[in-house]
Amino acid sequence: MKKYNLAINILFWTLTAFISFIAVLSIVSPNIIENSLLLKKEKQVIVKTEVEEEPMPMVVHVKKDVNWYYFVATGYSANDPNQGTNATTATGTEVREGIVAVDPDIIPLGTKIEVKELGTFVAEDTGGKINGNRIDIFFDSKQEAKEFGKKEVWVKIVDDSIEIAENINKNN
């Protein structure tokens, strides 16, 4: 029986020493105990499913109708006797790339327009054959104007204060 009591005593004191060691270790270095195999905790992973956005200042969105108009465009260049042009526009400025000839009854002179896929132009010139829904785009050389030829294009007015005349199909 003494052997049995001795074994229990040794086991009791060993267990007490082990628990004391763990208690001291948890106070001195808490990370070791948290990551140990003895006290394995399941980590909880939180996954956000929504994107939280910071509050934006109040913005009012105004839907604006953008009207594109069908026109027939041709190219022209300066000093081309076949086209009856010279180096001065109808508004008195020198011809240059970025201007178009228009029918002033349809698009007022000085109006900024956008030609879809070609860019932005200013209506500064007129022409004898430019009536109704026709525009003439200026090119630096006669060759470029000839290569452009005659095309169907979509035009919109860039300046909000100007509107195209109602009847754009005067004389095609």
Protein backbone atom coordinates (compact mmCIF):
# COMPACT_ATOMS: atom_id res chain seq x y z
CA MET A 1 0.00 0.00 0.00
CA LYS A 2 2.94 2.30 0.60
CA LYS A 3 3.97 1.89 -3.03
CA TYR A 4 0.48 2.94 -4.10
CA ASN A 5 0.52 6.06 -1.87
CA LEU A 6 3.97 6.94 -3.13
CA ALA A 7 2.82 6.74 -6.79
CA ILE A 8 -0.22 8.93 -6.05
CA ASN A 9 1.95 11.45 -4.21
CA ILE A 10 4.41 11.67 -7.11
CA LEU A 11 1.57 12.01 -9.62
CA PHE A 12 -0.16 14.69 -7.50
CA TRP A 13 2.97 16.79 -7.11
CA THR A 14 3.93 16.39 -10.77
CA LEU A 15 0.46 17.53 -11.84
CA THR A 16 0.57 20.44 -9.39
CA ALA A 17 4.00 21.50 -10.71
CA PHE A 18 2.78 21.25 -14.30
CA ILE A 19 -0.32 23.38 -13.62
CA SER A 20 1.79 25.93 -11.75
CA PHE A 21 4.25 26.03 -14.65
CA ILE A 22 1.39 26.65 -17.14
CA ALA A 23 -0.09 29.39 -14.92
CA VAL A 24 3.25 31.19 -14.65
CA LEU A 25 3.90 30.77 -18.39
CA SER A 26 0.47 32.23 -19.26
CA ILE A 27 1.23 35.32 -17.17
CA VAL A 28 4.74 35.82 -18.55
CA SER A 29 4.00 35.05 -22.20
CA PRO A 30 0.30 34.85 -23.07
CA ASN A 31 0.89 34.27 -26.81
CA ILE A 32 2.60 30.92 -26.18
CA ILE A 33 -0.41 29.55 -24.33
CA GLU A 34 -2.91 30.82 -26.93
CA ASN A 35 -1.03 29.10 -29.77
CA SER A 36 -0.28 25.87 -27.89
CA LEU A 37 -1.73 22.51 -28.79
CA LEU A 38 -3.09 22.07 -25.27
CA LEU A 39 -5.35 25.10 -25.44
CA LYS A 40 -6.15 25.03 -29.14
CA LYS A 41 -8.78 27.66 -29.90
CA GLU A 42 -10.55 27.77 -33.21
CA LYS A 43 -10.02 31.10 -34.84
CA GLN A 44 -13.06 32.85 -36.12
CA VAL A 45 -12.74 34.39 -39.56
CA ILE A 46 -15.13 37.19 -40.38
CA VAL A 47 -15.73 37.80 -44.07
CA LYS A 48 -17.35 41.05 -45.15
CA THR A 49 -19.84 40.52 -47.90
CA GLU A 50 -20.82 44.17 -48.39
CA VAL A 51 -18.65 47.06 -49.32
CA GLU A 52 -19.14 49.90 -46.95
CA GLU A 53 -18.85 53.28 -48.57
CA GLU A 54 -18.20 56.53 -46.87
CA PRO A 55 -21.18 58.81 -46.98
CA MET A 56 -20.99 61.07 -50.00
CA PRO A 57 -22.18 64.63 -49.99
CA MET A 58 -25.58 65.01 -51.54
CA VAL A 59 -25.26 65.09 -55.32
CA VAL A 60 -28.13 65.74 -57.64
CA HIS A 61 -27.85 63.89 -60.92
CA VAL A 62 -29.60 65.55 -63.82
CA LYS A 63 -30.29 63.39 -66.80
CA LYS A 64 -29.76 65.44 -69.90
CA ASP A 65 -31.03 64.33 -73.26
CA VAL A 66 -28.26 64.53 -75.83
CA ASN A 67 -29.58 64.85 -79.33
CA TRP A 68 -27.50 63.62 -82.22
CA TYR A 69 -28.53 64.82 -85.67
CA TYR A 70 -27.93 63.14 -89.00
CA PHE A 71 -25.85 65.21 -91.43
CA VAL A 72 -23.99 64.66 -94.66
CA ALA A 73 -20.37 65.79 -94.39
CA THR A 74 -17.90 66.61 -97.13
CA GLY A 75 -14.32 67.87 -96.99
CA TYR A 76 -12.93 71.14 -98.33
CA SER A 77 -9.61 72.99 -98.34
CA ALA A 78 -8.40 76.55 -98.86
CA ASN A 79 -7.80 78.09 -102.24
CA ASP A 80 -9.56 75.36 -104.20
CA PRO A 81 -11.13 76.96 -107.28
CA ASN A 82 -13.39 73.95 -107.84
CA GLN A 83 -14.98 74.58 -104.45
CA GLY A 84 -15.03 78.36 -104.70
CA THR A 85 -13.11 78.81 -101.45
CA ASN A 86 -10.46 81.26 -100.36
CA ALA A 87 -8.40 81.61 -97.19
CA THR A 88 -11.06 83.53 -95.23
CA THR A 89 -14.19 82.13 -93.54
CA ALA A 90 -17.65 83.70 -93.54
CA THR A 91 -16.93 85.02 -90.03
CA GLY A 92 -13.76 86.74 -91.26
CA THR A 93 -11.22 84.40 -89.65
CA GLU A 94 -8.51 82.50 -91.47
CA VAL A 95 -9.48 78.97 -92.50
CA ARG A 96 -7.81 76.25 -90.42
CA GLU A 97 -8.39 72.71 -89.23
CA GLY A 98 -11.13 72.50 -86.64
CA ILE A 99 -13.71 74.58 -88.49
CA VAL A 100 -16.74 73.54 -90.48
CA ALA A 101 -18.94 75.25 -93.00
CA VAL A 102 -22.63 75.10 -92.13
CA ASP A 103 -26.00 76.43 -93.16
CA PRO A 104 -26.36 79.33 -90.68
CA ASP A 105 -30.16 78.92 -90.75
CA ILE A 106 -29.65 75.45 -89.23
CA ILE A 107 -26.49 75.82 -87.11
CA PRO A 108 -25.64 79.41 -86.12
CA LEU A 109 -22.11 80.61 -86.93
CA GLY A 110 -19.79 80.38 -83.93
CA THR A 111 -21.48 77.22 -82.61
CA LYS A 112 -19.24 74.47 -81.27
CA ILE A 113 -20.31 71.05 -82.56
CA GLU A 114 -19.12 67.48 -82.11
CA VAL A 115 -19.00 65.13 -85.06
CA LYS A 116 -19.17 61.57 -83.79
CA GLU A 117 -15.84 59.74 -84.24
CA LEU A 118 -14.20 62.83 -85.81
CA GLY A 119 -13.96 65.37 -83.00
CA THR A 120 -15.07 68.87 -82.06
CA PHE A 121 -15.36 71.70 -84.57
CA VAL A 122 -16.52 75.33 -84.67
CA ALA A 123 -19.04 76.51 -87.26
CA GLU A 124 -17.24 79.52 -88.80
CA ASP A 125 -17.88 79.19 -92.51
CA THR A 126 -20.69 78.81 -95.04
CA GLY A 127 -20.78 77.44 -98.52
CA GLY A 128 -22.90 77.63 -101.66
CA LYS A 129 -23.78 73.92 -101.52
CA ILE A 130 -24.08 73.78 -97.72
CA ASN A 131 -27.83 73.80 -97.19
CA GLY A 132 -29.94 71.99 -94.62
CA ASN A 133 -28.33 69.03 -92.92
CA ARG A 134 -24.96 69.34 -94.64
CA ILE A 135 -21.60 70.37 -93.24
CA ASP A 136 -18.25 70.89 -94.90
CA ILE A 137 -15.18 69.98 -92.80
CA PHE A 138 -12.00 71.94 -93.47
CA PHE A 139 -8.75 70.06 -94.21
CA ASP A 140 -5.28 71.56 -94.63
CA SER A 141 -4.75 69.97 -98.03
CA LYS A 142 -6.92 69.36 -101.08
CA GLN A 143 -5.78 65.71 -101.01
CA GLU A 144 -7.05 65.17 -97.43
CA ALA A 145 -10.38 66.76 -98.32
CA LYS A 146 -10.67 64.53 -101.39
CA GLU A 147 -9.81 61.41 -99.37
CA PHE A 148 -12.49 62.30 -96.81
CA GLY A 149 -15.04 62.48 -99.59
CA LYS A 150 -18.72 62.49 -98.65
CA LYS A 151 -19.87 60.72 -95.48
CA GLU A 152 -22.97 60.37 -93.36
CA VAL A 153 -22.18 61.63 -89.84
CA TRP A 154 -23.88 62.28 -86.52
CA VAL A 155 -23.59 65.79 -85.11
CA LYS A 156 -24.47 67.20 -81.71
CA ILE A 157 -24.32 70.74 -80.41
CA VAL A 158 -21.72 71.16 -77.65
CA ASP A 159 -22.96 74.58 -76.49
CA ASP A 160 -26.09 74.08 -74.31
CA SER A 161 -27.55 77.50 -75.12
CA ILE A 162 -27.89 76.81 -78.86
CA GLU A 163 -30.36 74.55 -80.59
CA ILE A 164 -30.40 73.30 -84.16
CA ALA A 165 -33.24 74.64 -86.26
CA GLU A 166 -36.32 72.41 -86.40
CA ASN A 167 -36.25 71.75 -90.15
CA ILE A 168 -32.75 70.53 -90.90
CA ASN A 169 -33.63 68.93 -94.20
CA LYS A 170 -34.13 72.05 -96.33
CA ASN A 171 -32.24 71.03 -99.46
CA ASN A 172 -30.28 67.86 -99.39
